[in-house]
Amino acid sequence: MKWNLKRIGAIAAIIVLLGFAAAALIFAFIDAPWAQEALSASLFCAITVPVFIYLMMLVAKVLRGRGVNSDKKTDLDQPQAKNSSKK
């Protein structure tokens, strides 16, 4: 089985998100003075970390290929074909 970087990152992200959910569940039932702040921090991280990762992926997708000369021809680069049929 080939383990590429994307697969390892995805598994790590799942483990981290499950850790946030488990921590939130545990902090919800602890009756300690610091548990409320820990619960709030855990829920904040469980929401903002995936959003931040999504935004980073979106920006990387938009910026990919900028500043690099590509060999692909676009429709604007190709000359317009002249109408060869005459009446």
Protein backbone atom coordinates (compact mmCIF):
# COMPACT_ATOMS: atom_id res chain seq x y z
CA MET A 1 0.00 0.00 0.00
CA LYS A 2 1.44 3.32 -1.03
CA TRP A 3 1.14 6.02 1.67
CA ASN A 4 1.33 9.39 0.04
CA LEU A 5 1.44 12.71 1.85
CA LYS A 6 -2.23 13.56 1.23
CA ARG A 7 -3.44 10.30 2.76
CA ILE A 8 -1.25 10.72 5.84
CA GLY A 9 -2.44 14.33 6.24
CA ALA A 10 -6.08 13.28 5.92
CA ILE A 11 -5.69 10.58 8.57
CA ALA A 12 -3.92 13.04 10.89
CA ALA A 13 -6.69 15.62 10.37
CA ILE A 14 -9.37 13.04 11.21
CA ILE A 15 -7.53 12.05 14.38
CA VAL A 16 -7.16 15.70 15.45
CA LEU A 17 -10.85 16.45 14.81
CA LEU A 18 -11.93 13.34 16.71
CA GLY A 19 -9.66 14.48 19.54
CA PHE A 20 -11.41 17.87 19.62
CA ALA A 21 -14.80 16.15 19.75
CA ALA A 22 -13.71 13.77 22.51
CA ALA A 23 -12.20 16.62 24.52
CA ALA A 24 -15.40 18.64 24.18
CA LEU A 25 -17.44 15.68 25.39
CA ILE A 26 -15.15 15.11 28.36
CA PHE A 27 -15.00 18.81 29.30
CA ALA A 28 -18.80 19.04 29.13
CA PHE A 29 -19.15 16.55 32.00
CA ILE A 30 -16.27 17.73 34.21
CA ASP A 31 -17.32 19.88 37.13
CA ALA A 32 -14.19 21.95 37.55
CA PRO A 33 -13.65 25.72 37.44
CA TRP A 34 -11.47 25.48 34.32
CA ALA A 35 -13.71 23.03 32.43
CA GLN A 36 -15.96 25.74 30.94
CA GLU A 37 -13.01 27.54 29.34
CA ALA A 38 -11.55 24.24 28.12
CA LEU A 39 -14.90 23.28 26.60
CA SER A 40 -15.16 26.62 24.83
CA ALA A 41 -11.62 26.32 23.50
CA SER A 42 -12.23 22.78 22.29
CA LEU A 43 -15.44 23.71 20.47
CA PHE A 44 -13.77 26.79 18.97
CA CYS A 45 -10.93 24.67 17.62
CA ALA A 46 -13.32 22.00 16.34
CA ILE A 47 -15.07 24.65 14.24
CA THR A 48 -12.25 26.95 13.15
CA VAL A 49 -9.54 24.40 12.29
CA PRO A 50 -11.54 22.72 9.47
CA VAL A 51 -12.66 26.12 8.16
CA PHE A 52 -9.07 27.36 8.17
CA ILE A 53 -7.87 24.22 6.35
CA TYR A 54 -10.64 24.62 3.76
CA LEU A 55 -9.69 28.27 3.19
CA MET A 56 -6.02 27.34 2.79
CA MET A 57 -6.94 24.70 0.21
CA LEU A 58 -9.14 27.19 -1.63
CA VAL A 59 -6.38 29.82 -1.75
CA ALA A 60 -3.84 27.20 -2.89
CA LYS A 61 -6.20 26.14 -5.68
CA VAL A 62 -6.67 29.74 -6.84
CA LEU A 63 -2.97 30.61 -6.66
CA ARG A 64 -1.70 27.37 -8.21
CA GLY A 65 0.11 28.03 -11.44
CA ARG A 66 0.52 31.79 -11.04
CA GLY A 67 3.91 33.08 -12.10
CA VAL A 68 4.66 29.96 -14.10
CA ASN A 69 4.65 30.03 -17.88
CA SER A 70 2.45 27.21 -19.02
CA ASP A 71 2.70 25.54 -22.40
CA LYS A 72 -1.05 25.25 -22.66
CA LYS A 73 -2.64 27.37 -25.35
CA THR A 74 -5.84 29.12 -24.47
CA ASP A 75 -8.51 30.30 -26.86
CA LEU A 76 -7.18 33.85 -26.60
CA ASP A 77 -3.66 32.78 -27.61
CA GLN A 78 -4.70 31.09 -30.84
CA PRO A 79 -5.32 33.15 -33.96
CA GLN A 80 -8.84 33.40 -35.22
CA ALA A 81 -9.60 31.24 -38.26
CA LYS A 82 -10.60 33.25 -41.28
CA ASN A 83 -13.75 32.44 -43.11
CA SER A 84 -12.51 30.55 -46.17
CA SER A 85 -15.86 30.18 -47.89
CA LYS A 86 -16.54 32.98 -50.34
CA LYS A 87 -19.78 33.67 -52.15
